């Protein structure tokens, strides 16, 4: 099964949010989006924009490249 880049980014963000116990509500507040909009991004229905990835990386204190990594 081939995973898309946007799907990999969503999966990486979901995993890091779970590891750090950061809620969708916290992400929504940081991004200025509704919790429903964040949920759509985390489930892969709507891709994250690069600026959003950078903001989430800042919230989680990780490098944006950590969230953009794709397993080969």
N, C-alpha and C. Protein backbone atom coordinates (compact mmCIF):
# COMPACT_ATOMS: atom_id res chain seq x y z
N UNK A 1 0.84 -1.19 0.00
CA UNK A 1 0.00 0.00 0.00
C UNK A 1 0.89 1.25 0.00
N UNK A 2 0.65 2.15 -0.90
CA UNK A 2 1.42 3.38 -1.01
C UNK A 2 0.72 4.50 -0.26
N UNK A 3 1.47 5.17 0.59
CA UNK A 3 0.91 6.27 1.36
C UNK A 3 1.28 7.58 0.68
N UNK A 4 0.34 8.49 0.60
CA UNK A 4 0.62 9.80 0.03
C UNK A 4 1.42 10.64 1.02
N UNK A 5 2.06 11.67 0.52
CA UNK A 5 2.80 12.58 1.41
C UNK A 5 1.86 13.24 2.41
N UNK A 6 0.70 13.70 1.95
CA UNK A 6 -0.23 14.36 2.88
C UNK A 6 -0.73 13.37 3.93
N UNK A 7 -0.92 12.11 3.55
CA UNK A 7 -1.33 11.09 4.51
C UNK A 7 -0.24 10.81 5.52
N UNK A 8 1.01 10.78 5.06
CA UNK A 8 2.14 10.56 5.97
C UNK A 8 2.28 11.70 6.96
N UNK A 9 2.11 12.93 6.47
CA UNK A 9 2.20 14.10 7.35
C UNK A 9 1.11 14.03 8.42
N UNK A 10 -0.11 13.72 8.01
CA UNK A 10 -1.21 13.61 8.98
C UNK A 10 -0.91 12.53 10.01
N UNK A 11 -0.39 11.39 9.57
CA UNK A 11 -0.07 10.29 10.49
C UNK A 11 1.04 10.71 11.44
N UNK A 12 2.06 11.40 10.93
CA UNK A 12 3.16 11.85 11.79
C UNK A 12 2.66 12.84 12.85
N UNK A 13 1.79 13.73 12.43
CA UNK A 13 1.26 14.72 13.38
C UNK A 13 0.38 14.02 14.42
N UNK A 14 -0.48 13.11 13.98
CA UNK A 14 -1.31 12.36 14.93
C UNK A 14 -0.45 11.65 15.96
N UNK A 15 0.60 10.99 15.49
CA UNK A 15 1.47 10.23 16.39
C UNK A 15 2.16 11.15 17.40
N UNK A 16 2.66 12.28 16.92
CA UNK A 16 3.36 13.20 17.83
C UNK A 16 2.39 13.85 18.81
N UNK A 17 1.19 14.16 18.37
CA UNK A 17 0.18 14.71 19.28
C UNK A 17 -0.11 13.70 20.39
N UNK A 18 -0.24 12.43 20.02
CA UNK A 18 -0.52 11.39 21.02
C UNK A 18 0.66 11.24 21.99
N UNK A 19 1.88 11.22 21.45
CA UNK A 19 3.06 11.08 22.32
C UNK A 19 3.15 12.20 23.35
N UNK A 20 2.83 13.41 22.91
CA UNK A 20 2.96 14.56 23.79
C UNK A 20 1.65 14.92 24.51
N UNK A 21 0.61 14.16 24.21
CA UNK A 21 -0.71 14.39 24.83
C UNK A 21 -1.21 15.81 24.58
N UNK A 22 -1.10 16.22 23.33
CA UNK A 22 -1.60 17.53 22.90
C UNK A 22 -2.93 17.29 22.20
N UNK A 23 -3.93 18.09 22.55
CA UNK A 23 -5.28 17.88 22.03
C UNK A 23 -5.50 18.58 20.69
N UNK A 24 -6.52 18.11 19.98
CA UNK A 24 -6.93 18.78 18.75
C UNK A 24 -7.33 20.22 19.04
N UNK A 25 -7.93 20.46 20.19
CA UNK A 25 -8.34 21.82 20.56
C UNK A 25 -7.13 22.74 20.67
N UNK A 26 -6.03 22.24 21.21
CA UNK A 26 -4.82 23.04 21.31
C UNK A 26 -4.25 23.36 19.93
N UNK A 27 -4.30 22.38 19.04
CA UNK A 27 -3.83 22.59 17.67
C UNK A 27 -4.73 23.60 16.97
N UNK A 28 -6.04 23.45 17.15
CA UNK A 28 -6.99 24.36 16.52
C UNK A 28 -6.74 25.80 16.97
N UNK A 29 -6.50 25.97 18.26
CA UNK A 29 -6.24 27.32 18.78
C UNK A 29 -4.97 27.90 18.15
N UNK A 30 -3.91 27.10 18.07
CA UNK A 30 -2.64 27.57 17.51
C UNK A 30 -2.79 27.94 16.03
N UNK A 31 -3.59 27.14 15.29
CA UNK A 31 -3.74 27.37 13.86
C UNK A 31 -4.84 28.38 13.52
N UNK A 32 -5.66 28.73 14.50
CA UNK A 32 -6.78 29.64 14.23
C UNK A 32 -7.87 28.97 13.41
N UNK A 33 -8.03 27.67 13.62
CA UNK A 33 -9.03 26.88 12.90
C UNK A 33 -10.02 26.29 13.90
N UNK A 34 -11.13 25.80 13.39
CA UNK A 34 -12.06 25.08 14.25
C UNK A 34 -11.49 23.69 14.54
N UNK A 35 -12.00 23.08 15.59
CA UNK A 35 -11.55 21.72 15.90
C UNK A 35 -11.96 20.77 14.79
N UNK A 36 -13.10 21.01 14.16
CA UNK A 36 -13.55 20.17 13.04
C UNK A 36 -12.57 20.26 11.86
N UNK A 37 -12.07 21.46 11.60
CA UNK A 37 -11.11 21.64 10.50
C UNK A 37 -9.81 20.90 10.81
N UNK A 38 -9.37 20.93 12.05
CA UNK A 38 -8.17 20.20 12.45
C UNK A 38 -8.42 18.70 12.32
N UNK A 39 -9.58 18.25 12.73
CA UNK A 39 -9.92 16.84 12.60
C UNK A 39 -9.86 16.37 11.15
N UNK A 40 -10.38 17.19 10.24
CA UNK A 40 -10.32 16.84 8.81
C UNK A 40 -8.88 16.72 8.34
N UNK A 41 -8.02 17.56 8.84
CA UNK A 41 -6.60 17.49 8.47
C UNK A 41 -5.95 16.24 9.06
N UNK A 42 -6.26 15.94 10.30
CA UNK A 42 -5.65 14.78 10.95
C UNK A 42 -6.13 13.45 10.37
N UNK A 43 -7.31 13.43 9.79
CA UNK A 43 -7.81 12.20 9.17
C UNK A 43 -7.45 12.11 7.70
N UNK A 44 -6.80 13.14 7.18
CA UNK A 44 -6.37 13.12 5.80
C UNK A 44 -7.41 13.58 4.80
N UNK A 45 -8.56 14.02 5.26
CA UNK A 45 -9.60 14.51 4.35
C UNK A 45 -9.18 15.82 3.70
N UNK A 46 -8.46 16.65 4.44
CA UNK A 46 -7.94 17.93 3.96
C UNK A 46 -6.45 17.94 4.25
N UNK A 47 -5.61 18.22 3.26
CA UNK A 47 -4.17 18.23 3.54
C UNK A 47 -3.75 19.43 4.39
N UNK A 48 -2.73 19.24 5.21
CA UNK A 48 -2.13 20.35 5.95
C UNK A 48 -1.39 21.24 4.97
N UNK A 49 -1.47 22.55 5.17
CA UNK A 49 -0.65 23.48 4.41
C UNK A 49 0.72 23.56 5.10
N UNK A 50 1.74 23.94 4.35
CA UNK A 50 3.09 23.97 4.92
C UNK A 50 3.19 24.91 6.11
N UNK A 51 2.54 26.06 6.06
CA UNK A 51 2.56 26.98 7.20
C UNK A 51 1.91 26.35 8.43
N UNK A 52 0.89 25.53 8.21
CA UNK A 52 0.24 24.84 9.33
C UNK A 52 1.17 23.79 9.92
N UNK A 53 1.89 23.06 9.07
CA UNK A 53 2.86 22.08 9.56
C UNK A 53 3.92 22.78 10.41
N UNK A 54 4.40 23.93 9.94
CA UNK A 54 5.40 24.68 10.70
C UNK A 54 4.85 25.12 12.05
N UNK A 55 3.60 25.57 12.09
CA UNK A 55 2.99 26.01 13.36
C UNK A 55 2.80 24.83 14.31
N UNK A 56 2.39 23.69 13.79
CA UNK A 56 2.23 22.50 14.64
C UNK A 56 3.60 22.05 15.16
N UNK A 57 4.61 22.08 14.31
CA UNK A 57 5.96 21.71 14.74
C UNK A 57 6.42 22.62 15.87
N UNK A 58 6.13 23.91 15.75
CA UNK A 58 6.49 24.86 16.80
C UNK A 58 5.75 24.53 18.10
N UNK A 59 4.47 24.25 17.99
CA UNK A 59 3.67 23.86 19.17
C UNK A 59 4.26 22.63 19.85
N UNK A 60 4.71 21.67 19.05
CA UNK A 60 5.22 20.41 19.58
C UNK A 60 6.72 20.44 19.88
N UNK A 61 7.36 21.56 19.56
CA UNK A 61 8.81 21.72 19.77
C UNK A 61 9.60 20.64 19.05
N UNK A 62 9.23 20.39 17.79
CA UNK A 62 9.97 19.48 16.93
C UNK A 62 10.27 20.21 15.62
N UNK A 63 11.23 19.68 14.88
CA UNK A 63 11.55 20.27 13.57
C UNK A 63 10.43 19.93 12.58
N UNK A 64 10.08 20.87 11.72
CA UNK A 64 9.06 20.56 10.71
C UNK A 64 9.41 19.32 9.89
N UNK A 65 10.70 19.08 9.66
CA UNK A 65 11.12 17.91 8.89
C UNK A 65 10.71 16.61 9.58
N UNK A 66 10.60 16.63 10.91
CA UNK A 66 10.16 15.45 11.67
C UNK A 66 8.72 15.09 11.28
N UNK A 67 7.91 16.10 11.05
CA UNK A 67 6.50 15.87 10.70
C UNK A 67 6.33 15.57 9.22
N UNK A 68 7.30 15.96 8.41
CA UNK A 68 7.22 15.75 6.96
C UNK A 68 7.89 14.45 6.51
N UNK A 69 8.51 13.73 7.42
CA UNK A 69 9.23 12.51 7.06
C UNK A 69 8.29 11.44 6.52
N UNK A 70 8.76 10.76 5.49
CA UNK A 70 8.00 9.67 4.88
C UNK A 70 8.85 8.42 4.93
N UNK A 71 8.28 7.34 5.46
CA UNK A 71 8.99 6.06 5.50
C UNK A 71 9.12 5.51 4.09
N UNK A 72 10.29 5.00 3.77
CA UNK A 72 10.53 4.45 2.42
C UNK A 72 9.96 3.06 2.29
